Amino acid sequence: MKIVPLEAYLILSVLLFGLGVFGMIVRRNLVAILMSTELALNAVNIAFVGADSHLGLVDGQIFALFIIALAAVEAAVGLGIIVAIFRLRKVESSDELRDMGG
């Protein structure tokens, strides 16, 4: 069985994290911003699991499970907020959300 080097995990993780941050900055659709956040969180998971595989520990996998749980909660709450904003103001773009006051 061929072992994947740690550098491969880290390069993939950095690329995915960069794409996630780029998506958060560039995108205007609220759902796309939420998906970019999920991509960045999954990039961190890849880095944790890759380092864990290289070191032979299980700590990174435990952290990855916590991040997965955090991402699920973030997606549920984020989608709830996005649906509430859309129902209240009929807004799909983050540019149209200038004021959050009532």
PDB file of N, CA and C in Angstrom:
ATOM      1  N   MET A   1       0.842  -1.184   0.000  1.00  0.00           N
ATOM      2  CA  MET A   1       0.000   0.000   0.000  1.00  0.00           C
ATOM      3  C   MET A   1       0.883   1.242   0.000  1.00  0.00           C
ATOM      4  N   LYS A   2       0.603   2.137  -0.914  1.00  0.00           N
ATOM      5  CA  LYS A   2       1.412   3.341  -1.042  1.00  0.00           C
ATOM      6  C   LYS A   2       0.904   4.419  -0.082  1.00  0.00           C
ATOM      7  N   ILE A   3       1.813   5.010   0.653  1.00  0.00           N
ATOM      8  CA  ILE A   3       1.472   6.055   1.609  1.00  0.00           C
ATOM      9  C   ILE A   3       1.508   7.414   0.895  1.00  0.00           C
ATOM     10  N   VAL A   4       0.457   8.189   1.091  1.00  0.00           N
ATOM     11  CA  VAL A   4       0.398   9.528   0.494  1.00  0.00           C
ATOM     12  C   VAL A   4       1.227  10.469   1.370  1.00  0.00           C
ATOM     13  N   PRO A   5       2.137  11.236   0.787  1.00  0.00           N
ATOM     14  CA  PRO A   5       2.964  12.129   1.610  1.00  0.00           C
ATOM     15  C   PRO A   5       2.143  13.265   2.209  1.00  0.00           C
ATOM     16  N   LEU A   6       2.630  13.755   3.324  1.00  0.00           N
ATOM     17  CA  LEU A   6       1.942  14.833   4.034  1.00  0.00           C
ATOM     18  C   LEU A   6       1.824  16.088   3.178  1.00  0.00           C
ATOM     19  N   GLU A   7       2.813  16.344   2.340  1.00  0.00           N
ATOM     20  CA  GLU A   7       2.791  17.523   1.489  1.00  0.00           C
ATOM     21  C   GLU A   7       1.589  17.520   0.545  1.00  0.00           C
ATOM     22  N   ALA A   8       1.210  16.343   0.065  1.00  0.00           N
ATOM     23  CA  ALA A   8       0.056  16.246  -0.838  1.00  0.00           C
ATOM     24  C   ALA A   8      -1.220  16.654  -0.120  1.00  0.00           C
ATOM     25  N   TYR A   9      -1.391  16.184   1.116  1.00  0.00           N
ATOM     26  CA  TYR A   9      -2.559  16.594   1.907  1.00  0.00           C
ATOM     27  C   TYR A   9      -2.571  18.100   2.135  1.00  0.00           C
ATOM     28  N   LEU A  10      -1.423  18.640   2.494  1.00  0.00           N
ATOM     29  CA  LEU A  10      -1.362  20.068   2.811  1.00  0.00           C
ATOM     30  C   LEU A  10      -1.559  20.939   1.576  1.00  0.00           C
ATOM     31  N   ILE A  11      -1.012  20.517   0.440  1.00  0.00           N
ATOM     32  CA  ILE A  11      -1.210  21.288  -0.795  1.00  0.00           C
ATOM     33  C   ILE A  11      -2.678  21.282  -1.191  1.00  0.00           C
ATOM     34  N   LEU A  12      -3.314  20.109  -1.128  1.00  0.00           N
ATOM     35  CA  LEU A  12      -4.743  20.035  -1.432  1.00  0.00           C
ATOM     36  C   LEU A  12      -5.557  20.880  -0.467  1.00  0.00           C
ATOM     37  N   SER A  13      -5.196  20.834   0.794  1.00  0.00           N
ATOM     38  CA  SER A  13      -5.908  21.607   1.804  1.00  0.00           C
ATOM     39  C   SER A  13      -5.765  23.108   1.576  1.00  0.00           C
ATOM     40  N   VAL A  14      -4.571  23.559   1.260  1.00  0.00           N
ATOM     41  CA  VAL A  14      -4.351  24.987   1.005  1.00  0.00           C
ATOM     42  C   VAL A  14      -5.113  25.445  -0.230  1.00  0.00           C
ATOM     43  N   LEU A  15      -5.111  24.615  -1.284  1.00  0.00           N
ATOM     44  CA  LEU A  15      -5.848  24.977  -2.502  1.00  0.00           C
ATOM     45  C   LEU A  15      -7.350  25.077  -2.243  1.00  0.00           C
ATOM     46  N   LEU A  16      -7.908  24.100  -1.538  1.00  0.00           N
ATOM     47  CA  LEU A  16      -9.340  24.134  -1.244  1.00  0.00           C
ATOM     48  C   LEU A  16      -9.695  25.285  -0.305  1.00  0.00           C
ATOM     49  N   PHE A  17      -8.840  25.541   0.675  1.00  0.00           N
ATOM     50  CA  PHE A  17      -9.094  26.659   1.585  1.00  0.00           C
ATOM     51  C   PHE A  17      -9.042  27.989   0.834  1.00  0.00           C
ATOM     52  N   GLY A  18      -8.068  28.120  -0.071  1.00  0.00           N
ATOM     53  CA  GLY A  18      -7.988  29.329  -0.886  1.00  0.00           C
ATOM     54  C   GLY A  18      -9.213  29.516  -1.762  1.00  0.00           C
ATOM     55  N   LEU A  19      -9.694  28.417  -2.359  1.00  0.00           N
ATOM     56  CA  LEU A  19     -10.924  28.500  -3.158  1.00  0.00           C
ATOM     57  C   LEU A  19     -12.119  28.891  -2.295  1.00  0.00           C
ATOM     58  N   GLY A  20     -12.184  28.364  -1.085  1.00  0.00           N
ATOM     59  CA  GLY A  20     -13.275  28.710  -0.184  1.00  0.00           C
ATOM     60  C   GLY A  20     -13.255  30.178   0.206  1.00  0.00           C
ATOM     61  N   VAL A  21     -12.093  30.675   0.560  1.00  0.00           N
ATOM     62  CA  VAL A  21     -11.978  32.098   0.930  1.00  0.00           C
ATOM     63  C   VAL A  21     -12.256  32.977  -0.279  1.00  0.00           C
ATOM     64  N   PHE A  22     -11.747  32.586  -1.436  1.00  0.00           N
ATOM     65  CA  PHE A  22     -12.021  33.341  -2.665  1.00  0.00           C
ATOM     66  C   PHE A  22     -13.524  33.388  -2.947  1.00  0.00           C
ATOM     67  N   GLY A  23     -14.190  32.251  -2.765  1.00  0.00           N
ATOM     68  CA  GLY A  23     -15.632  32.205  -2.970  1.00  0.00           C
ATOM     69  C   GLY A  23     -16.387  33.071  -1.982  1.00  0.00           C
ATOM     70  N   MET A  24     -15.918  33.119  -0.737  1.00  0.00           N
ATOM     71  CA  MET A  24     -16.574  33.976   0.254  1.00  0.00           C
ATOM     72  C   MET A  24     -16.428  35.450  -0.087  1.00  0.00           C
ATOM     73  N   ILE A  25     -15.297  35.811  -0.662  1.00  0.00           N
ATOM     74  CA  ILE A  25     -15.047  37.221  -0.987  1.00  0.00           C
ATOM     75  C   ILE A  25     -15.770  37.632  -2.262  1.00  0.00           C
ATOM     76  N   VAL A  26     -15.733  36.781  -3.279  1.00  0.00           N
ATOM     77  CA  VAL A  26     -16.227  37.148  -4.611  1.00  0.00           C
ATOM     78  C   VAL A  26     -17.732  36.963  -4.762  1.00  0.00           C
ATOM     79  N   ARG A  27     -18.275  35.904  -4.212  1.00  0.00           N
ATOM     80  CA  ARG A  27     -19.691  35.578  -4.426  1.00  0.00           C
ATOM     81  C   ARG A  27     -20.604  36.598  -3.758  1.00  0.00           C
ATOM     82  N   ARG A  28     -21.762  36.805  -4.379  1.00  0.00           N
ATOM     83  CA  ARG A  28     -22.759  37.715  -3.827  1.00  0.00           C
ATOM     84  C   ARG A  28     -24.005  36.976  -3.356  1.00  0.00           C
ATOM     85  N   ASN A  29     -24.208  35.764  -3.859  1.00  0.00           N
ATOM     86  CA  ASN A  29     -25.352  34.966  -3.453  1.00  0.00           C
ATOM     87  C   ASN A  29     -25.089  34.408  -2.048  1.00  0.00           C
ATOM     88  N   LEU A  30     -26.063  34.518  -1.165  1.00  0.00           N
ATOM     89  CA  LEU A  30     -25.864  34.108   0.218  1.00  0.00           C
ATOM     90  C   LEU A  30     -25.644  32.602   0.351  1.00  0.00           C
ATOM     91  N   VAL A  31     -26.316  31.809  -0.460  1.00  0.00           N
ATOM     92  CA  VAL A  31     -26.136  30.354  -0.405  1.00  0.00           C
ATOM     93  C   VAL A  31     -24.738  29.980  -0.915  1.00  0.00           C
ATOM     94  N   ALA A  32     -24.250  30.663  -1.926  1.00  0.00           N
ATOM     95  CA  ALA A  32     -22.901  30.398  -2.441  1.00  0.00           C
ATOM     96  C   ALA A  32     -21.834  30.767  -1.407  1.00  0.00           C
ATOM     97  N   ILE A  33     -22.065  31.818  -0.653  1.00  0.00           N
ATOM     98  CA  ILE A  33     -21.137  32.186   0.416  1.00  0.00           C
ATOM     99  C   ILE A  33     -21.124  31.102   1.483  1.00  0.00           C
ATOM    100  N   LEU A  34     -22.294  30.577   1.807  1.00  0.00           N
ATOM    101  CA  LEU A  34     -22.388  29.499   2.785  1.00  0.00           C
ATOM    102  C   LEU A  34     -21.672  28.242   2.287  1.00  0.00           C
ATOM    103  N   MET A  35     -21.805  27.925   1.005  1.00  0.00           N
ATOM    104  CA  MET A  35     -21.114  26.766   0.437  1.00  0.00           C
ATOM    105  C   MET A  35     -19.602  26.971   0.424  1.00  0.00           C
ATOM    106  N   SER A  36     -19.153  28.190   0.208  1.00  0.00           N
ATOM    107  CA  SER A  36     -17.714  28.477   0.241  1.00  0.00           C
ATOM    108  C   SER A  36     -17.164  28.322   1.653  1.00  0.00           C
ATOM    109  N   THR A  37     -17.957  28.685   2.633  1.00  0.00           N
ATOM    110  CA  THR A  37     -17.548  28.476   4.027  1.00  0.00           C
ATOM    111  C   THR A  37     -17.403  26.989   4.327  1.00  0.00           C
ATOM    112  N   GLU A  38     -18.331  26.193   3.832  1.00  0.00           N
ATOM    113  CA  GLU A  38     -18.253  24.745   4.009  1.00  0.00           C
ATOM    114  C   GLU A  38     -17.000  24.179   3.338  1.00  0.00           C
ATOM    115  N   LEU A  39     -16.654  24.694   2.173  1.00  0.00           N
ATOM    116  CA  LEU A  39     -15.450  24.243   1.476  1.00  0.00           C
ATOM    117  C   LEU A  39     -14.200  24.553   2.295  1.00  0.00           C
ATOM    118  N   ALA A  40     -14.139  25.738   2.879  1.00  0.00           N
ATOM    119  CA  ALA A  40     -12.991  26.104   3.708  1.00  0.00           C
ATOM    120  C   ALA A  40     -12.905  25.210   4.947  1.00  0.00           C
ATOM    121  N   LEU A  41     -14.038  24.909   5.570  1.00  0.00           N
ATOM    122  CA  LEU A  41     -14.024  24.021   6.741  1.00  0.00           C
ATOM    123  C   LEU A  41     -13.575  22.612   6.358  1.00  0.00           C
ATOM    124  N   ASN A  42     -13.997  22.121   5.214  1.00  0.00           N
ATOM    125  CA  ASN A  42     -13.570  20.791   4.773  1.00  0.00           C
ATOM    126  C   ASN A  42     -12.084  20.764   4.419  1.00  0.00           C
ATOM    127  N   ALA A  43     -11.549  21.883   3.964  1.00  0.00           N
ATOM    128  CA  ALA A  43     -10.106  21.951   3.705  1.00  0.00           C
ATOM    129  C   ALA A  43      -9.323  21.786   5.008  1.00  0.00           C
ATOM    130  N   VAL A  44      -9.825  22.376   6.072  1.00  0.00           N
ATOM    131  CA  VAL A  44      -9.177  22.212   7.380  1.00  0.00           C
ATOM    132  C   VAL A  44      -9.265  20.752   7.824  1.00  0.00           C
ATOM    133  N   ASN A  45     -10.401  20.108   7.546  1.00  0.00           N
ATOM    134  CA  ASN A  45     -10.538  18.685   7.877  1.00  0.00           C
ATOM    135  C   ASN A  45      -9.498  17.840   7.148  1.00  0.00           C
ATOM    136  N   ILE A  46      -9.257  18.142   5.884  1.00  0.00           N
ATOM    137  CA  ILE A  46      -8.255  17.390   5.118  1.00  0.00           C
ATOM    138  C   ILE A  46      -6.871  17.574   5.726  1.00  0.00           C
ATOM    139  N   ALA A  47      -6.563  18.789   6.147  1.00  0.00           N
ATOM    140  CA  ALA A  47      -5.256  19.040   6.771  1.00  0.00           C
ATOM    141  C   ALA A  47      -5.123  18.262   8.083  1.00  0.00           C
ATOM    142  N   PHE A  48      -6.170  18.272   8.901  1.00  0.00           N
ATOM    143  CA  PHE A  48      -6.125  17.532  10.158  1.00  0.00           C
ATOM    144  C   PHE A  48      -5.956  16.030   9.933  1.00  0.00           C
ATOM    145  N   VAL A  49      -6.760  15.464   9.046  1.00  0.00           N
ATOM    146  CA  VAL A  49      -6.704  14.024   8.816  1.00  0.00           C
ATOM    147  C   VAL A  49      -5.390  13.640   8.133  1.00  0.00           C
ATOM    148  N   GLY A  50      -4.885  14.474   7.235  1.00  0.00           N
ATOM    149  CA  GLY A  50      -3.604  14.189   6.594  1.00  0.00           C
ATOM    150  C   GLY A  50      -2.453  14.202   7.585  1.00  0.00           C
ATOM    151  N   ALA A  51      -2.436  15.195   8.461  1.00  0.00           N
ATOM    152  CA  ALA A  51      -1.388  15.252   9.482  1.00  0.00           C
ATOM    153  C   ALA A  51      -1.522  14.081  10.443  1.00  0.00           C
ATOM    154  N   ASP A  52      -2.758  13.724  10.733  1.00  0.00           N
ATOM    155  CA  ASP A  52      -3.027  12.594  11.612  1.00  0.00           C
ATOM    156  C   ASP A  52      -2.532  11.292  11.002  1.00  0.00           C
ATOM    157  N   SER A  53      -2.770  11.120   9.717  1.00  0.00           N
ATOM    158  CA  SER A  53      -2.322   9.922   9.015  1.00  0.00           C
ATOM    159  C   SER A  53      -0.797   9.842   9.003  1.00  0.00           C
ATOM    160  N   HIS A  54      -0.174  10.979   8.835  1.00  0.00           N
ATOM    161  CA  HIS A  54       1.286  11.025   8.774  1.00  0.00           C
ATOM    162  C   HIS A  54       1.907  10.740  10.148  1.00  0.00           C
ATOM    163  N   LEU A  55       1.297  11.263  11.212  1.00  0.00           N
ATOM    164  CA  LEU A  55       1.851  11.102  12.556  1.00  0.00           C
ATOM    165  C   LEU A  55       1.385   9.824  13.247  1.00  0.00           C
ATOM    166  N   GLY A  56       0.319   9.205  12.729  1.00  0.00           N
ATOM    167  CA  GLY A  56      -0.175   7.974  13.335  1.00  0.00           C
ATOM    168  C   GLY A  56      -0.981   8.204  14.601  1.00  0.00           C
ATOM    169  N   LEU A  57      -1.602   9.339  14.721  1.00  0.00           N
ATOM    170  CA  LEU A  57      -2.419   9.655  15.897  1.00  0.00           C
ATOM    171  C   LEU A  57      -3.895   9.649  15.514  1.00  0.00           C
ATOM    172  N   VAL A  58      -4.760   9.901  16.493  1.00  0.00           N
ATOM    173  CA  VAL A  58      -6.190  10.018  16.214  1.00  0.00           C
ATOM    174  C   VAL A  58      -6.738  11.386  16.611  1.00  0.00           C
ATOM    175  N   ASP A  59      -5.893  12.270  17.098  1.00  0.00           N
ATOM    176  CA  ASP A  59      -6.360  13.584  17.546  1.00  0.00           C
ATOM    177  C   ASP A  59      -6.944  14.399  16.400  1.00  0.00           C
ATOM    178  N   GLY A  60      -6.329  14.352  15.233  1.00  0.00           N
ATOM    179  CA  GLY A  60      -6.822  15.102  14.077  1.00  0.00           C
ATOM    180  C   GLY A  60      -8.186  14.612  13.622  1.00  0.00           C
ATOM    181  N   GLN A  61      -8.411  13.311  13.730  1.00  0.00           N
ATOM    182  CA  GLN A  61      -9.715  12.773  13.356  1.00  0.00           C
ATOM    183  C   GLN A  61     -10.798  13.225  14.324  1.00  0.00           C
ATOM    184  N   ILE A  62     -10.454  13.327  15.588  1.00  0.00           N
ATOM    185  CA  ILE A  62     -11.415  13.824  16.579  1.00  0.00           C
ATOM    186  C   ILE A  62     -11.751  15.286  16.297  1.00  0.00           C
ATOM    187  N   PHE A  63     -10.738  16.090  16.012  1.00  0.00           N
ATOM    188  CA  PHE A  63     -10.986  17.487  15.653  1.00  0.00           C
ATOM    189  C   PHE A  63     -11.827  17.584  14.383  1.00  0.00           C
ATOM    190  N   ALA A  64     -11.555  16.702  13.419  1.00  0.00           N
ATOM    191  CA  ALA A  64     -12.327  16.711  12.170  1.00  0.00           C
ATOM    192  C   ALA A  64     -13.795  16.391  12.437  1.00  0.00           C
ATOM    193  N   LEU A  65     -14.070  15.474  13.340  1.00  0.00           N
ATOM    194  CA  LEU A  65     -15.461  15.178  13.691  1.00  0.00           C
ATOM    195  C   LEU A  65     -16.145  16.380  14.327  1.00  0.00           C
ATOM    196  N   PHE A  66     -15.432  17.103  15.180  1.00  0.00           N
ATOM    197  CA  PHE A  66     -16.002  18.315  15.769  1.00  0.00           C
ATOM    198  C   PHE A  66     -16.263  19.375  14.700  1.00  0.00           C
ATOM    199  N   ILE A  67     -15.361  19.489  13.736  1.00  0.00           N
ATOM    200  CA  ILE A  67     -15.551  20.471  12.668  1.00  0.00           C
ATOM    201  C   ILE A  67     -16.729  20.078  11.783  1.00  0.00           C
ATOM    202  N   ILE A  68     -16.901  18.780  11.539  1.00  0.00           N
ATOM    203  CA  ILE A  68     -18.046  18.324  10.750  1.00  0.00           C
ATOM    204  C   ILE A  68     -19.348  18.663  11.473  1.00  0.00           C
ATOM    205  N   ALA A  69     -19.377  18.444  12.789  1.00  0.00           N
ATOM    206  CA  ALA A  69     -20.572  18.795  13.568  1.00  0.00           C
ATOM    207  C   ALA A  69     -20.811  20.301  13.539  1.00  0.00           C
ATOM    208  N   LEU A  70     -19.737  21.076  13.665  1.00  0.00           N
ATOM    209  CA  LEU A  70     -19.857  22.535  13.598  1.00  0.00           C
ATOM    210  C   LEU A  70     -20.354  22.977  12.227  1.00  0.00           C
ATOM    211  N   ALA A  71     -19.880  22.338  11.169  1.00  0.00           N
ATOM    212  CA  ALA A  71     -20.310  22.693   9.813  1.00  0.00           C
ATOM    213  C   ALA A  71     -21.783  22.364   9.603  1.00  0.00           C
ATOM    214  N   ALA A  72     -22.238  21.262  10.176  1.00  0.00           N
ATOM    215  CA  ALA A  72     -23.657  20.909  10.050  1.00  0.00           C
ATOM    216  C   ALA A  72     -24.537  21.923  10.760  1.00  0.00           C
ATOM    217  N   VAL A  73     -24.128  22.328  11.943  1.00  0.00           N
ATOM    218  CA  VAL A  73     -24.892  23.344  12.684  1.00  0.00           C
ATOM    219  C   VAL A  73     -24.848  24.678  11.947  1.00  0.00           C
ATOM    220  N   GLU A  74     -23.685  25.026  11.436  1.00  0.00           N
ATOM    221  CA  GLU A  74     -23.538  26.289  10.698  1.00  0.00           C
ATOM    222  C   GLU A  74     -24.413  26.296   9.454  1.00  0.00           C
ATOM    223  N   ALA A  75     -24.492  25.159   8.770  1.00  0.00           N
ATOM    224  CA  ALA A  75     -25.329  25.083   7.572  1.00  0.00           C
ATOM    225  C   ALA A  75     -26.800  25.210   7.934  1.00  0.00           C
ATOM    226  N   ALA A  76     -27.224  24.547   8.985  1.00  0.00           N
ATOM    227  CA  ALA A  76     -28.631  24.608   9.381  1.00  0.00           C
ATOM    228  C   ALA A  76     -29.026  26.014   9.826  1.00  0.00           C
ATOM    229  N   VAL A  77     -28.220  26.611  10.676  1.00  0.00           N
ATOM    230  CA  VAL A  77     -28.529  27.964  11.156  1.00  0.00           C
ATOM    231  C   VAL A  77     -28.389  28.974  10.028  1.00  0.00           C
ATOM    232  N   GLY A  78     -27.346  28.834   9.227  1.00  0.00           N
ATOM    233  CA  GLY A  78     -27.144  29.759   8.110  1.00  0.00           C
ATOM    234  C   GLY A  78     -28.267  29.706   7.099  1.00  0.00           C
ATOM    235  N   LEU A  79     -28.693  28.500   6.743  1.00  0.00           N
ATOM    236  CA  LEU A  79     -29.805  28.382   5.798  1.00  0.00           C
ATOM    237  C   LEU A  79     -31.103  28.921   6.401  1.00  0.00           C
ATOM    238  N   GLY A  80     -31.295  28.715   7.695  1.00  0.00           N
ATOM    239  CA  GLY A  80     -32.472  29.287   8.358  1.00  0.00           C
ATOM    240  C   GLY A  80     -32.484  30.799   8.306  1.00  0.00           C
ATOM    241  N   ILE A  81     -31.341  31.399   8.548  1.00  0.00           N
ATOM    242  CA  ILE A  81     -31.238  32.865   8.487  1.00  0.00           C
ATOM    243  C   ILE A  81     -31.448  33.351   7.061  1.00  0.00           C
ATOM    244  N   ILE A  82     -30.862  32.656   6.084  1.00  0.00           N
ATOM    245  CA  ILE A  82     -31.009  33.058   4.684  1.00  0.00           C
ATOM    246  C   ILE A  82     -32.472  32.970   4.244  1.00  0.00           C
ATOM    247  N   VAL A  83     -33.153  31.893   4.635  1.00  0.00           N
ATOM    248  CA  VAL A  83     -34.576  31.761   4.289  1.00  0.00           C
ATOM    249  C   VAL A  83     -35.402  32.859   4.954  1.00  0.00           C
ATOM    250  N   ALA A  84     -35.096  33.179   6.208  1.00  0.00           N
ATOM    251  CA  ALA A  84     -35.822  34.244   6.904  1.00  0.00           C
ATOM    252  C   ALA A  84     -35.595  35.597   6.240  1.00  0.00           C
ATOM    253  N   ILE A  85     -34.370  35.875   5.833  1.00  0.00           N
ATOM    254  CA  ILE A  85     -34.073  37.143   5.147  1.00  0.00           C
ATOM    255  C   ILE A  85     -34.806  37.200   3.813  1.00  0.00           C
ATOM    256  N   PHE A  86     -34.802  36.088   3.080  1.00  0.00           N
ATOM    257  CA  PHE A  86     -35.475  36.081   1.783  1.00  0.00           C
ATOM    258  C   PHE A  86     -36.978  36.278   1.934  1.00  0.00           C
ATOM    259  N   ARG A  87     -37.571  35.640   2.920  1.00  0.00           N
ATOM    260  CA  ARG A  87     -39.011  35.791   3.124  1.00  0.00           C
ATOM    261  C   ARG A  87     -39.373  37.211   3.565  1.00  0.00           C
ATOM    262  N   LEU A  88     -38.526  37.807   4.372  1.00  0.00           N
ATOM    263  CA  LEU A  88     -38.818  39.127   4.911  1.00  0.00           C
ATOM    264  C   LEU A  88     -38.565  40.231   3.895  1.00  0.00           C
ATOM    265  N   ARG A  89     -37.443  40.138   3.184  1.00  0.00           N
ATOM    266  CA  ARG A  89     -37.028  41.245   2.316  1.00  0.00           C
ATOM    267  C   ARG A  89     -36.956  40.910   0.842  1.00  0.00           C
ATOM    268  N   LYS A  90     -37.148  39.651   0.458  1.00  0.00           N
ATOM    269  CA  LYS A  90     -37.032  39.213  -0.942  1.00  0.00           C
ATOM    270  C   LYS A  90     -35.659  39.547  -1.517  1.00  0.00           C
ATOM    271  N   VAL A  91     -34.624  39.252  -0.762  1.00  0.00           N
ATOM    272  CA  VAL A  91     -33.243  39.582  -1.128  1.00  0.00           C
ATOM    273  C   VAL A  91     -32.473  38.282  -1.328  1.00  0.00           C
ATOM    274  N   GLU A  92     -31.754  38.173  -2.454  1.00  0.00           N
ATOM    275  CA  GLU A  92     -30.913  37.003  -2.716  1.00  0.00           C
ATOM    276  C   GLU A  92     -29.427  37.334  -2.674  1.00  0.00           C
ATOM    277  N   SER A  93     -29.083  38.587  -2.820  1.00  0.00           N
ATOM    278  CA  SER A  93     -27.688  38.996  -2.908  1.00  0.00           C
ATOM    279  C   SER A  93     -27.242  39.657  -1.610  1.00  0.00           C
ATOM    280  N   SER A  94     -25.978  39.450  -1.271  1.00  0.00           N
ATOM    281  CA  SER A  94     -25.448  40.082  -0.067  1.00  0.00           C
ATOM    282  C   SER A  94     -25.244  41.580  -0.256  1.00  0.00           C
ATOM    283  N   ASP A  95     -25.165  42.047  -1.512  1.00  0.00           N
ATOM    284  CA  ASP A  95     -25.030  43.487  -1.760  1.00  0.00           C
ATOM    285  C   ASP A  95     -26.290  44.246  -1.372  1.00  0.00           C
ATOM    286  N   GLU A  96     -27.431  43.583  -1.455  1.00  0.00           N
ATOM    287  CA  GLU A  96     -28.695  44.248  -1.161  1.00  0.00           C
ATOM    288  C   GLU A  96     -28.971  44.318   0.334  1.00  0.00           C
ATOM    289  N   LEU A  97     -28.153  43.694   1.130  1.00  0.00           N
ATOM    290  CA  LEU A  97     -28.320  43.725   2.591  1.00  0.00           C
ATOM    291  C   LEU A  97     -27.433  44.813   3.186  1.00  0.00           C
ATOM    292  N   ARG A  98     -27.772  46.023   2.970  1.00  0.00           N
ATOM    293  CA  ARG A  98     -26.962  47.142   3.464  1.00  0.00           C
ATOM    294  C   ARG A  98     -27.194  47.368   4.957  1.00  0.00           C
ATOM    295  N   ASP A  99     -28.438  47.400   5.343  1.00  0.00           N
ATOM    296  CA  ASP A  99     -28.760  47.661   6.744  1.00  0.00           C
ATOM    297  C   ASP A  99     -29.444  46.441   7.327  1.00  0.00           C
ATOM    298  N   MET A 100     -29.034  46.059   8.503  1.00  0.00           N
ATOM    299  CA  MET A 100     -29.636  44.924   9.168  1.00  0.00           C
ATOM    300  C   MET A 100     -30.613  45.385  10.244  1.00  0.00           C
ATOM    301  N   GLY A 101     -30.764  46.675  10.402  1.00  0.00           N
ATOM    302  CA  GLY A 101     -31.690  47.200  11.406  1.00  0.00           C
ATOM    303  C   GLY A 101     -33.126  47.025  10.967  1.00  0.00           C
ATOM    304  N   GLY A 102     -34.042  47.033  11.951  1.00  0.00           N
ATOM    305  CA  GLY A 102     -35.460  46.800  11.686  1.00  0.00           C
ATOM    306  C   GLY A 102     -36.095  47.974  11.055  1.00  0.00           C
TER     307      GLY A 102
END
